N, C-alpha and C. Protein backbone atom coordinates (compact mmCIF):
# COMPACT_ATOMS: atom_id res chain seq x y z
N UNK A 1 -72.71 -41.35 127.69
CA UNK A 1 -72.83 -40.64 126.80
C UNK A 1 -72.41 -40.19 126.06
N UNK A 2 -70.91 -40.29 126.87
CA UNK A 2 -69.63 -39.91 125.97
C UNK A 2 -69.36 -40.35 124.65
N UNK A 3 -69.81 -42.12 124.78
CA UNK A 3 -70.02 -42.96 123.72
C UNK A 3 -70.90 -42.09 122.63
N UNK A 4 -71.83 -41.55 123.47
CA UNK A 4 -73.05 -41.27 122.25
C UNK A 4 -72.81 -40.05 121.62
N UNK A 5 -72.09 -39.35 122.23
CA UNK A 5 -71.52 -37.85 121.57
C UNK A 5 -70.38 -38.61 120.57
N UNK A 6 -69.21 -39.00 120.92
CA UNK A 6 -68.23 -39.58 120.11
C UNK A 6 -69.26 -39.61 118.30
N UNK A 7 -69.97 -40.76 118.55
CA UNK A 7 -71.12 -41.23 117.58
C UNK A 7 -71.77 -40.59 116.48
N UNK A 8 -72.05 -39.48 116.79
CA UNK A 8 -72.40 -38.14 116.19
C UNK A 8 -70.62 -37.52 115.17
N UNK A 9 -69.97 -37.22 115.97
CA UNK A 9 -68.73 -36.52 115.51
C UNK A 9 -68.80 -36.30 113.93
N UNK A 10 -68.74 -37.65 113.21
CA UNK A 10 -68.43 -37.49 111.72
C UNK A 10 -69.74 -36.72 111.26
N UNK A 11 -70.77 -36.97 111.65
CA UNK A 11 -72.16 -36.24 111.19
C UNK A 11 -71.92 -35.04 111.39
N UNK A 12 -71.79 -34.50 112.46
CA UNK A 12 -71.78 -32.92 112.63
C UNK A 12 -70.94 -32.15 111.76
N UNK A 13 -69.55 -32.85 111.92
CA UNK A 13 -68.43 -32.18 110.79
C UNK A 13 -69.31 -32.41 109.23
N UNK A 14 -69.52 -33.15 108.86
CA UNK A 14 -70.23 -33.14 107.57
C UNK A 14 -71.35 -31.99 107.67
N UNK A 15 -72.06 -32.07 108.28
CA UNK A 15 -72.93 -30.82 108.27
C UNK A 15 -71.95 -29.57 108.64
N UNK A 16 -71.22 -29.41 109.09
CA UNK A 16 -70.56 -27.99 109.00
C UNK A 16 -70.11 -27.81 107.58
N UNK A 17 -69.34 -28.38 106.83
CA UNK A 17 -68.91 -28.43 105.66
C UNK A 17 -69.70 -28.06 105.04
N UNK A 18 -70.66 -28.90 104.80
CA UNK A 18 -72.02 -28.48 103.98
C UNK A 18 -72.56 -27.56 104.15
N UNK A 19 -72.92 -26.72 105.71
CA UNK A 19 -73.54 -25.42 105.77
C UNK A 19 -72.54 -24.05 105.67
N UNK A 20 -71.27 -24.59 105.05
CA UNK A 20 -70.34 -23.47 105.13
C UNK A 20 -70.98 -22.67 104.43
N UNK A 21 -70.34 -20.99 105.11
CA UNK A 21 -70.75 -19.88 104.61
C UNK A 21 -71.12 -19.59 103.08
N UNK A 22 -72.01 -19.24 102.21
CA UNK A 22 -71.87 -19.52 100.95
C UNK A 22 -70.80 -18.16 100.39
N UNK A 23 -69.88 -18.46 99.40
CA UNK A 23 -68.82 -17.56 99.03
C UNK A 23 -68.33 -18.10 97.73
N UNK A 24 -67.71 -17.19 96.53
CA UNK A 24 -67.96 -17.56 95.42
C UNK A 24 -66.08 -18.46 95.69
N UNK A 25 -66.16 -19.32 94.66
CA UNK A 25 -64.63 -19.96 94.53
C UNK A 25 -63.95 -18.60 94.25
N UNK A 26 -62.47 -19.07 94.36
CA UNK A 26 -61.52 -18.58 93.67
C UNK A 26 -60.86 -18.86 92.85
N UNK A 27 -60.83 -18.31 91.60
CA UNK A 27 -59.95 -18.74 90.74
C UNK A 27 -58.51 -18.18 90.14
N UNK A 28 -57.56 -19.41 89.97
CA UNK A 28 -56.33 -18.60 90.08
C UNK A 28 -55.80 -18.21 87.96
N UNK A 29 -56.68 -18.87 87.34
CA UNK A 29 -56.51 -18.85 86.00
C UNK A 29 -57.45 -18.63 85.47
N UNK A 30 -58.13 -17.89 84.52
CA UNK A 30 -59.54 -17.58 84.14
C UNK A 30 -59.81 -18.38 82.75
N UNK A 31 -58.73 -19.41 82.65
CA UNK A 31 -58.72 -20.09 81.06
C UNK A 31 -59.07 -21.33 81.76
N UNK A 32 -59.48 -21.78 82.77
CA UNK A 32 -59.95 -22.87 83.01
C UNK A 32 -61.69 -22.99 82.82
N UNK A 33 -62.46 -24.07 83.06
CA UNK A 33 -63.71 -23.77 82.70
C UNK A 33 -64.03 -23.88 84.80
N UNK A 34 -64.02 -22.85 85.37
CA UNK A 34 -64.19 -23.58 86.52
C UNK A 34 -65.67 -23.78 87.00
N UNK A 35 -66.22 -23.63 86.24
CA UNK A 35 -67.63 -24.51 86.60
C UNK A 35 -67.37 -26.24 87.13
N UNK A 36 -66.43 -26.55 85.78
CA UNK A 36 -66.23 -28.31 85.90
C UNK A 36 -65.67 -28.93 86.79
N UNK A 37 -64.38 -27.69 86.73
CA UNK A 37 -63.76 -27.92 88.02
C UNK A 37 -64.52 -28.00 89.43
N UNK A 38 -64.99 -27.08 89.74
CA UNK A 38 -65.73 -26.83 90.74
C UNK A 38 -67.07 -28.61 91.26
N UNK A 39 -67.10 -28.61 89.63
CA UNK A 39 -68.27 -29.95 89.89
C UNK A 39 -67.59 -31.52 90.47
N UNK A 40 -66.47 -31.45 89.74
CA UNK A 40 -65.74 -32.55 90.00
C UNK A 40 -65.14 -32.99 91.09
N UNK A 41 -64.35 -31.69 91.78
CA UNK A 41 -64.03 -31.30 92.74
C UNK A 41 -64.85 -31.54 94.30
N UNK A 42 -65.85 -31.00 94.04
CA UNK A 42 -67.10 -30.70 95.18
C UNK A 42 -67.64 -32.18 94.89
N UNK A 43 -67.91 -33.32 94.02
CA UNK A 43 -68.01 -34.51 94.14
C UNK A 43 -67.62 -35.37 95.00
N UNK A 44 -66.08 -34.91 94.68
CA UNK A 44 -64.72 -35.96 94.90
C UNK A 44 -64.95 -35.87 96.04
N UNK A 45 -64.86 -34.08 96.95
CA UNK A 45 -64.83 -34.30 98.19
C UNK A 45 -65.65 -35.11 99.39
N UNK A 46 -66.60 -34.41 98.86
CA UNK A 46 -67.71 -35.05 99.69
C UNK A 46 -67.95 -36.44 99.42
N UNK A 47 -67.91 -37.33 98.49
CA UNK A 47 -67.23 -38.74 98.52
C UNK A 47 -66.16 -38.96 99.75
N UNK A 48 -65.60 -38.64 99.22
CA UNK A 48 -64.23 -38.46 100.64
C UNK A 48 -64.84 -38.08 101.82
N UNK A 49 -65.52 -37.52 102.08
CA UNK A 49 -65.87 -37.06 103.95
C UNK A 49 -67.03 -38.14 103.73
N UNK A 50 -67.82 -38.81 103.25
CA UNK A 50 -68.96 -39.31 103.23
C UNK A 50 -68.05 -40.78 103.59
N UNK A 51 -67.06 -41.14 102.67
CA UNK A 51 -66.84 -42.45 102.75
C UNK A 51 -66.16 -42.95 104.07
N UNK A 52 -65.15 -41.99 104.63
CA UNK A 52 -64.49 -41.36 106.14
C UNK A 52 -65.27 -41.75 107.15
N UNK A 53 -66.71 -41.14 106.96
CA UNK A 53 -67.59 -40.56 108.17
C UNK A 53 -68.36 -42.35 108.59
N UNK A 54 -68.61 -42.80 107.10
CA UNK A 54 -69.62 -44.71 106.78
C UNK A 54 -68.45 -45.51 108.18
N UNK A 55 -67.28 -45.20 107.22
CA UNK A 55 -65.94 -46.32 108.06
C UNK A 55 -65.86 -46.67 109.53
N UNK A 56 -66.32 -44.75 109.77
CA UNK A 56 -65.64 -44.38 111.12
C UNK A 56 -66.39 -45.13 112.34
N UNK A 57 -67.69 -44.87 111.57
CA UNK A 57 -68.63 -45.32 112.71
C UNK A 57 -68.27 -46.08 113.42
N UNK A 58 -68.17 -47.40 112.86
CA UNK A 58 -68.11 -48.36 113.47
C UNK A 58 -66.85 -48.88 114.52
N UNK A 59 -65.57 -48.09 114.25
CA UNK A 59 -65.10 -48.34 115.10
C UNK A 59 -65.30 -47.30 116.60
N UNK A 60 -65.76 -46.18 116.20
CA UNK A 60 -66.47 -45.51 117.27
C UNK A 60 -67.10 -46.33 118.65
N UNK A 61 -67.69 -46.54 117.98
CA UNK A 61 -68.93 -47.83 118.74
C UNK A 61 -67.91 -48.24 120.06
N UNK A 62 -66.75 -48.81 119.59
CA UNK A 62 -65.85 -49.34 120.47
C UNK A 62 -65.13 -47.97 121.77
N UNK A 63 -65.40 -47.27 121.33
CA UNK A 63 -64.68 -45.61 122.29
C UNK A 63 -63.89 -44.95 121.70
N UNK A 64 -63.47 -43.82 122.49
CA UNK A 64 -62.46 -42.97 121.74
C UNK A 64 -61.08 -43.34 121.60
N UNK A 65 -60.61 -44.25 122.48
CA UNK A 65 -59.28 -44.47 121.95
C UNK A 65 -58.87 -45.72 121.11
N UNK A 66 -60.01 -46.40 120.76
CA UNK A 66 -60.36 -47.43 119.97
C UNK A 66 -60.17 -46.61 117.92
N UNK A 67 -61.33 -45.26 118.68
CA UNK A 67 -61.85 -44.79 117.43
C UNK A 67 -60.57 -43.92 116.99
N UNK A 68 -59.23 -43.51 118.16
CA UNK A 68 -58.20 -42.74 117.53
C UNK A 68 -57.04 -43.89 117.23
N UNK A 69 -57.14 -45.17 117.60
CA UNK A 69 -56.31 -46.38 117.07
C UNK A 69 -56.44 -46.62 115.58
N UNK A 70 -57.90 -46.67 115.32
CA UNK A 70 -58.44 -46.96 114.23
C UNK A 70 -58.06 -45.65 113.00
N UNK A 71 -58.31 -44.69 113.40
CA UNK A 71 -57.64 -43.40 112.64
C UNK A 71 -56.46 -43.51 112.55
N UNK A 72 -55.38 -43.86 113.47
CA UNK A 72 -54.09 -43.99 113.30
C UNK A 72 -53.66 -45.18 111.98
N UNK A 73 -54.22 -46.14 112.15
CA UNK A 73 -53.63 -47.12 111.36
C UNK A 73 -54.44 -46.88 110.13
N UNK A 74 -55.34 -46.49 110.09
CA UNK A 74 -56.10 -46.67 108.89
C UNK A 74 -56.48 -45.26 107.80
N UNK A 75 -56.67 -44.48 108.45
CA UNK A 75 -56.62 -42.93 107.80
C UNK A 75 -56.19 -42.96 105.94
N UNK A 76 -55.11 -43.40 106.69
CA UNK A 76 -54.21 -42.79 105.37
C UNK A 76 -55.07 -44.00 104.13
N UNK A 77 -54.60 -45.30 104.51
CA UNK A 77 -55.26 -46.21 103.66
C UNK A 77 -56.75 -46.43 103.53
N UNK A 78 -57.37 -45.49 103.77
CA UNK A 78 -58.98 -45.63 103.52
C UNK A 78 -59.07 -44.53 102.56
N UNK A 79 -58.36 -42.98 102.96
CA UNK A 79 -58.22 -41.98 101.91
C UNK A 79 -57.61 -42.18 100.29
N UNK A 80 -56.63 -43.58 99.87
CA UNK A 80 -56.32 -44.27 99.07
C UNK A 80 -57.26 -45.30 98.35
N UNK A 81 -58.10 -45.66 99.52
CA UNK A 81 -59.18 -46.92 99.04
C UNK A 81 -60.03 -45.83 98.17
N UNK A 82 -60.92 -44.66 98.68
CA UNK A 82 -61.85 -43.89 98.19
C UNK A 82 -61.25 -43.18 97.14
N UNK A 83 -59.71 -42.76 96.98
CA UNK A 83 -59.32 -42.08 95.69
C UNK A 83 -59.49 -43.13 94.66
N UNK A 84 -58.92 -44.30 94.77
CA UNK A 84 -59.61 -45.60 93.72
C UNK A 84 -61.12 -45.57 93.39
N UNK A 85 -61.98 -45.32 94.63
CA UNK A 85 -63.46 -45.06 94.34
C UNK A 85 -63.74 -44.28 93.38
N UNK A 86 -62.69 -42.96 93.82
CA UNK A 86 -63.92 -41.53 92.81
C UNK A 86 -62.75 -41.63 91.54
N UNK A 87 -61.90 -42.34 91.46
CA UNK A 87 -61.16 -42.41 90.28
C UNK A 87 -59.55 -42.21 89.82
N UNK A 88 -59.03 -42.63 89.48
CA UNK A 88 -57.19 -42.79 89.41
C UNK A 88 -56.97 -41.46 88.86
N UNK A 89 -57.69 -40.51 88.14
CA UNK A 89 -57.13 -39.47 87.32
C UNK A 89 -57.29 -38.17 88.63
N UNK A 90 -57.97 -38.87 89.72
CA UNK A 90 -58.22 -37.78 90.66
C UNK A 90 -57.03 -37.94 92.12
N UNK A 91 -56.42 -37.14 92.54
CA UNK A 91 -55.90 -37.28 93.50
C UNK A 91 -56.24 -36.54 95.13
N UNK A 92 -56.64 -36.88 95.94
CA UNK A 92 -57.28 -36.78 97.16
C UNK A 92 -56.48 -36.38 98.11
N UNK A 93 -56.63 -35.36 99.31
CA UNK A 93 -55.47 -35.69 100.45
C UNK A 93 -56.58 -34.61 101.29
N UNK A 94 -56.34 -34.53 102.78
CA UNK A 94 -56.73 -33.81 103.60
C UNK A 94 -55.36 -33.11 104.50
N UNK A 95 -55.82 -31.96 104.54
CA UNK A 95 -54.47 -31.25 104.92
C UNK A 95 -54.84 -30.05 106.06
N UNK A 96 -53.65 -29.39 106.99
CA UNK A 96 -54.25 -28.25 107.48
C UNK A 96 -52.91 -27.66 108.07
N UNK A 97 -53.05 -26.59 108.69
CA UNK A 97 -51.62 -26.02 109.23
C UNK A 97 -51.31 -26.59 110.62
N UNK A 98 -52.83 -27.51 111.28
CA UNK A 98 -52.18 -28.07 112.67
C UNK A 98 -52.72 -29.55 112.21
N UNK A 99 -51.71 -29.96 111.60
CA UNK A 99 -51.91 -31.79 111.30
C UNK A 99 -51.63 -32.39 112.46
N UNK A 100 -51.80 -33.70 112.38
CA UNK A 100 -51.73 -34.89 113.55
C UNK A 100 -50.58 -35.12 112.70
N UNK A 101 -51.15 -36.22 111.83
CA UNK A 101 -50.18 -36.91 111.03
C UNK A 101 -49.13 -36.22 109.84
N UNK A 102 -48.03 -36.34 109.95
CA UNK A 102 -47.02 -35.64 109.42
C UNK A 102 -47.26 -35.66 107.61
N UNK A 103 -47.70 -36.98 107.50
CA UNK A 103 -47.93 -37.42 105.98
C UNK A 103 -48.91 -36.19 105.68
N UNK A 104 -49.86 -35.47 106.54
CA UNK A 104 -50.86 -35.09 105.95
C UNK A 104 -50.61 -33.18 106.19
N UNK A 105 -49.18 -32.89 105.80
CA UNK A 105 -48.47 -31.44 106.27
C UNK A 105 -49.14 -31.40 104.57
N UNK A 106 -48.90 -29.47 104.86
CA UNK A 106 -49.23 -29.00 103.56
C UNK A 106 -47.97 -29.09 102.85
N UNK A 107 -48.46 -28.74 101.41
CA UNK A 107 -46.89 -28.32 100.55
C UNK A 107 -47.24 -26.90 100.46
N UNK A 108 -46.30 -26.34 99.15
CA UNK A 108 -46.57 -24.93 99.01
C UNK A 108 -47.93 -24.56 98.59
N UNK A 109 -48.67 -24.99 97.43
CA UNK A 109 -49.69 -25.25 97.41
C UNK A 109 -50.89 -24.77 97.76
N UNK A 110 -50.69 -25.84 98.91
CA UNK A 110 -51.66 -26.37 99.95
C UNK A 110 -51.67 -24.98 100.68
N UNK A 111 -50.28 -24.87 101.52
CA UNK A 111 -50.20 -23.71 102.51
C UNK A 111 -50.80 -22.30 101.85
N UNK A 112 -51.02 -22.27 100.47
CA UNK A 112 -51.65 -20.89 99.78
C UNK A 112 -52.98 -20.74 99.94
N UNK A 113 -53.40 -22.18 99.76
CA UNK A 113 -54.96 -22.22 99.60
C UNK A 113 -54.93 -22.08 101.17
N UNK A 114 -54.87 -22.83 102.24
CA UNK A 114 -55.08 -22.70 103.42
C UNK A 114 -54.75 -21.20 104.02
N UNK A 115 -53.98 -20.54 103.43
CA UNK A 115 -53.93 -19.41 103.96
C UNK A 115 -55.19 -18.01 103.73
N UNK A 116 -55.35 -18.70 102.19
CA UNK A 116 -56.29 -18.13 101.56
C UNK A 116 -58.42 -18.07 102.33
N UNK A 117 -58.13 -19.51 102.91
CA UNK A 117 -59.42 -19.56 103.75
C UNK A 117 -59.15 -18.82 105.08
N UNK A 118 -58.15 -18.86 105.31
CA UNK A 118 -57.46 -18.31 107.01
C UNK A 118 -58.04 -16.84 107.04
N UNK A 119 -57.21 -16.08 105.90
CA UNK A 119 -57.51 -14.57 105.61
C UNK A 119 -59.18 -14.12 105.05
N UNK A 120 -59.71 -15.07 104.70
CA UNK A 120 -60.92 -14.48 104.14
C UNK A 120 -61.80 -14.79 105.65
N UNK A 121 -61.62 -15.85 106.53
CA UNK A 121 -62.35 -15.52 107.18
C UNK A 121 -61.96 -14.38 108.66
N UNK A 122 -61.02 -14.41 108.32
CA UNK A 122 -60.63 -12.88 109.53
C UNK A 122 -60.89 -11.75 108.95
N UNK A 123 -60.65 -11.67 107.90
CA UNK A 123 -61.40 -10.20 107.47
C UNK A 123 -62.98 -10.48 107.27
N UNK A 124 -63.83 -11.36 106.62
CA UNK A 124 -65.31 -11.23 106.47
C UNK A 124 -65.81 -12.05 107.63
N UNK A 125 -65.19 -12.62 108.44
CA UNK A 125 -66.12 -13.74 109.63
C UNK A 125 -66.73 -14.47 109.30
N UNK A 126 -66.30 -15.31 107.34
CA UNK A 126 -66.93 -16.39 106.91
C UNK A 126 -66.04 -17.23 106.07
N UNK A 127 -66.56 -18.05 105.80
CA UNK A 127 -65.22 -19.03 104.81
C UNK A 127 -65.84 -19.03 103.60
N UNK A 128 -65.08 -18.99 102.53
CA UNK A 128 -65.62 -19.22 101.18
C UNK A 128 -65.63 -20.86 101.17
N UNK A 129 -66.57 -21.20 100.11
CA UNK A 129 -67.19 -22.80 99.92
C UNK A 129 -66.17 -23.28 99.62
N UNK A 130 -65.19 -22.85 98.85
CA UNK A 130 -64.36 -23.65 97.82
C UNK A 130 -63.18 -22.51 97.59
N UNK A 131 -62.33 -23.37 96.63
CA UNK A 131 -60.92 -22.64 96.34
C UNK A 131 -60.67 -23.21 95.53
N UNK A 132 -60.15 -22.23 93.54
CA UNK A 132 -59.79 -23.50 92.79
C UNK A 132 -58.10 -22.78 92.71
N UNK A 133 -57.44 -23.67 92.61
CA UNK A 133 -56.35 -23.00 91.85
C UNK A 133 -55.03 -23.51 91.22
N UNK A 134 -54.64 -23.05 90.39
CA UNK A 134 -54.17 -23.64 89.24
C UNK A 134 -52.35 -23.99 89.40
N UNK A 135 -52.35 -25.18 89.54
CA UNK A 135 -50.78 -25.63 90.29
C UNK A 135 -49.81 -25.39 88.96
N UNK A 136 -50.07 -26.02 88.19
CA UNK A 136 -49.28 -26.26 86.67
C UNK A 136 -50.49 -26.08 85.48
N UNK A 137 -49.73 -26.30 84.22
CA UNK A 137 -51.23 -25.97 82.66
C UNK A 137 -51.36 -27.49 82.67
N UNK A 138 -50.68 -28.22 83.61
CA UNK A 138 -51.68 -29.84 83.69
C UNK A 138 -52.31 -30.37 85.08
N UNK A 139 -52.28 -29.21 85.99
CA UNK A 139 -53.12 -29.38 86.99
C UNK A 139 -53.78 -28.07 87.88
N UNK A 140 -55.35 -28.69 88.33
CA UNK A 140 -55.95 -27.92 88.82
C UNK A 140 -55.95 -28.06 90.37
N UNK A 141 -56.46 -27.52 91.56
CA UNK A 141 -56.83 -28.15 92.76
C UNK A 141 -58.14 -27.90 93.13
N UNK A 142 -58.49 -28.50 93.89
CA UNK A 142 -60.06 -27.73 94.05
C UNK A 142 -60.05 -28.35 95.69
N UNK A 143 -60.20 -27.23 96.55
CA UNK A 143 -60.40 -27.54 98.45
C UNK A 143 -61.23 -26.82 98.69
N UNK A 144 -61.82 -27.80 99.76
CA UNK A 144 -62.94 -27.60 100.34
C UNK A 144 -62.87 -27.40 102.05
N UNK A 145 -63.16 -26.41 102.99
CA UNK A 145 -62.55 -25.91 103.62
C UNK A 145 -63.28 -27.33 104.96
N UNK A 146 -62.92 -27.40 105.79
CA UNK A 146 -63.95 -28.27 107.19
C UNK A 146 -63.72 -27.39 108.42
N UNK A 147 -64.93 -27.58 109.27
CA UNK A 147 -64.73 -26.43 109.92
C UNK A 147 -65.51 -27.49 111.48
N UNK A 148 -64.36 -27.13 112.67
CA UNK A 148 -64.32 -28.02 113.92
C UNK A 148 -65.84 -27.45 114.64
N UNK A 149 -66.27 -28.85 114.74
CA UNK A 149 -67.79 -29.18 115.03
C UNK A 149 -67.42 -29.44 117.24
N UNK A 150 -68.50 -29.13 117.81
CA UNK A 150 -67.93 -29.29 119.37
C UNK A 150 -67.70 -30.49 119.27
N UNK A 151 -68.06 -31.72 118.99
CA UNK A 151 -68.07 -33.22 119.60
C UNK A 151 -66.10 -33.43 118.92
N UNK A 152 -66.01 -32.57 118.20
CA UNK A 152 -64.58 -33.25 118.10
C UNK A 152 -63.62 -32.70 118.64
N UNK A 153 -64.32 -32.04 119.56
CA UNK A 153 -63.07 -31.36 120.60
C UNK A 153 -62.89 -32.72 121.47
N UNK A 154 -63.32 -33.74 121.48
CA UNK A 154 -62.86 -34.84 122.28
C UNK A 154 -61.37 -35.31 122.17
N UNK A 155 -61.39 -35.16 120.79
CA UNK A 155 -59.66 -35.13 120.39
C UNK A 155 -58.85 -34.34 119.47
N UNK A 156 -59.88 -32.80 119.82
CA UNK A 156 -58.74 -32.07 119.30
C UNK A 156 -58.78 -30.70 119.76
N UNK A 157 -59.59 -31.32 120.94
CA UNK A 157 -59.61 -29.19 122.03
C UNK A 157 -58.57 -29.08 123.10
N UNK A 158 -59.01 -29.22 123.78
CA UNK A 158 -57.78 -28.46 125.41
C UNK A 158 -57.26 -30.28 125.35
N UNK A 159 -55.91 -30.57 125.72
CA UNK A 159 -55.61 -31.99 125.63
C UNK A 159 -56.06 -31.94 127.18
N UNK A 160 -55.73 -31.03 128.24
CA UNK A 160 -56.22 -31.10 129.31
C UNK A 160 -57.38 -31.70 129.89
N UNK A 161 -58.25 -31.65 128.98
CA UNK A 161 -59.45 -32.45 129.20
C UNK A 161 -59.77 -33.70 128.39
N UNK A 162 -58.37 -34.24 127.77
CA UNK A 162 -59.00 -35.75 126.93
C UNK A 162 -58.71 -36.67 127.96
N UNK A 163 -59.43 -38.15 127.41
CA UNK A 163 -59.53 -38.82 128.49
C UNK A 163 -57.58 -39.66 129.22
N UNK A 164 -57.17 -39.48 129.89
CA UNK A 164 -55.98 -40.23 129.67
C UNK A 164 -55.04 -40.70 129.17
N UNK A 165 -56.11 -42.51 128.66
CA UNK A 165 -55.53 -42.96 128.10
C UNK A 165 -55.66 -42.22 126.30
N UNK A 166 -56.39 -41.63 126.22
CA UNK A 166 -56.23 -41.26 124.50
C UNK A 166 -54.83 -39.96 124.48
N UNK A 167 -54.71 -39.19 125.93
CA UNK A 167 -53.75 -38.73 126.16
C UNK A 167 -52.45 -39.25 125.67
N UNK A 168 -52.63 -40.47 126.65
CA UNK A 168 -50.68 -41.24 126.96
C UNK A 168 -51.06 -41.78 125.01
N UNK A 169 -51.77 -41.79 124.45
CA UNK A 169 -51.93 -42.63 122.93
C UNK A 169 -51.22 -41.98 121.99
N UNK A 170 -51.83 -40.17 122.07
CA UNK A 170 -51.36 -39.26 121.17
C UNK A 170 -50.12 -39.00 121.08
N UNK A 171 -49.74 -39.08 122.36
CA UNK A 171 -48.72 -38.91 123.15
C UNK A 171 -47.46 -39.81 122.07
N UNK A 172 -48.12 -40.73 122.03
CA UNK A 172 -47.01 -41.99 122.01
C UNK A 172 -46.77 -42.00 120.26
N UNK A 173 -48.26 -41.65 119.82
CA UNK A 173 -48.26 -41.84 118.76
C UNK A 173 -47.71 -40.78 117.62
N UNK A 174 -48.36 -39.79 118.38
CA UNK A 174 -47.99 -38.43 117.35
C UNK A 174 -47.36 -37.35 118.60
N UNK A 175 -45.84 -37.36 118.97
CA UNK A 175 -45.21 -37.14 119.92
C UNK A 175 -45.40 -35.11 119.47
N UNK A 176 -45.43 -34.65 118.16
CA UNK A 176 -45.17 -33.89 117.74
C UNK A 176 -46.81 -33.47 117.05
N UNK A 177 -47.75 -33.80 117.58
CA UNK A 177 -49.00 -33.26 117.38
C UNK A 177 -49.18 -31.96 117.09
N UNK A 178 -49.95 -31.26 116.11
CA UNK A 178 -50.85 -30.02 115.85
C UNK A 178 -52.35 -29.99 116.05
N UNK A 179 -52.80 -31.00 116.30
CA UNK A 179 -54.35 -31.08 116.14
C UNK A 179 -55.14 -30.94 117.02
N UNK A 180 -54.57 -30.21 118.05
CA UNK A 180 -55.31 -29.85 119.26
C UNK A 180 -55.21 -28.25 119.86
N UNK A 181 -55.84 -27.75 120.35
CA UNK A 181 -56.52 -26.37 120.91
C UNK A 181 -57.38 -25.87 120.60
N UNK A 182 -58.11 -26.62 119.56
CA UNK A 182 -59.32 -25.93 118.62
C UNK A 182 -60.52 -25.72 119.58
N UNK A 183 -61.56 -24.92 118.70
CA UNK A 183 -62.63 -24.43 119.60
C UNK A 183 -63.60 -24.80 118.49
N UNK A 184 -64.79 -25.04 119.19
CA UNK A 184 -65.82 -25.22 118.25
C UNK A 184 -66.42 -24.14 117.60
N UNK A 185 -66.21 -24.18 115.98
CA UNK A 185 -66.33 -23.17 114.91
C UNK A 185 -64.73 -22.94 114.29
N UNK A 186 -64.05 -23.33 114.69
CA UNK A 186 -62.49 -23.38 114.18
C UNK A 186 -62.22 -23.62 112.43
N UNK A 187 -61.74 -23.12 111.69
CA UNK A 187 -61.30 -23.41 110.71
C UNK A 187 -60.29 -24.93 111.21
N UNK A 188 -60.52 -25.73 110.87
CA UNK A 188 -60.12 -27.15 110.66
C UNK A 188 -58.78 -27.29 109.62
N UNK A 189 -59.55 -27.24 108.37
CA UNK A 189 -58.41 -27.50 107.08
C UNK A 189 -58.89 -27.49 106.17
N UNK A 190 -58.67 -28.79 104.88
CA UNK A 190 -58.77 -28.52 103.94
C UNK A 190 -59.49 -29.92 103.31
N UNK A 191 -60.02 -30.42 102.20
CA UNK A 191 -60.05 -31.55 101.65
C UNK A 191 -59.81 -30.91 100.06
N UNK A 192 -58.63 -31.62 99.91
CA UNK A 192 -58.11 -31.22 98.54
C UNK A 192 -57.81 -32.04 97.72
N UNK A 193 -58.68 -32.12 96.50
CA UNK A 193 -59.02 -32.61 95.12
C UNK A 193 -58.04 -31.79 94.15
N UNK A 194 -56.73 -32.63 93.59
CA UNK A 194 -56.22 -32.23 92.40
C UNK A 194 -56.60 -33.34 91.52
N UNK A 195 -56.90 -32.37 90.43
CA UNK A 195 -57.48 -32.40 88.66
C UNK A 195 -56.97 -32.55 87.78
N UNK A 196 -56.35 -33.23 86.95
CA UNK A 196 -56.06 -33.06 85.63
C UNK A 196 -56.50 -32.04 85.02
N UNK A 197 -56.01 -31.24 84.42
CA UNK A 197 -56.31 -30.06 83.33
C UNK A 197 -57.17 -30.93 82.14
N UNK A 198 -56.61 -32.37 81.68
CA UNK A 198 -57.66 -32.85 80.76
C UNK A 198 -58.81 -32.98 80.97
N UNK A 199 -59.37 -33.18 82.06
CA UNK A 199 -60.53 -33.41 82.63
C UNK A 199 -61.76 -32.28 82.56
N UNK A 200 -61.00 -31.18 82.45
CA UNK A 200 -61.69 -29.65 82.71
C UNK A 200 -61.30 -28.72 81.22
N UNK A 201 -60.76 -28.95 80.52
CA UNK A 201 -60.96 -28.36 79.17
C UNK A 201 -61.48 -28.89 77.51
């Protein structure tokens, strides 16, 4: 039963992302064509999400620990591979305030975007569907929020409920893991797409 549940984790997460409550994107600089930024960013973000979902399913067939080991070894390289598929002009990243892999820690601009989503959720009770940010005259960033689905709690919920083997692996691999303690429906983090200004002007 647990294995069956794990197999649908990526699908549920994808649905949660796609069905976030509709709110307009926030734009920091109105000189950019925000529609074009949104089109490029949304397409790239969904390509990344769907690509990771497809490649993770095979690992999940072997159980929770095997899926975790696969993610720990391959998630970053898979993101880089999918980035090449999307286009070398774009840069992609997954980040969160509660990250597991230190390589996914947010920079100052990503921190501002994460705070925007978190504040909007606290104030309105719903997440915006996206956020557009001008980082410099040469770069814009598109952010798509991720929501914690019930099945994802097998690895991101209360550590006391984790399988012993998984708990040991988490402690050994990520001793400073922040990506736990979530509840269903919590704001998880974002997919960030960096877009050269030359593509949207």
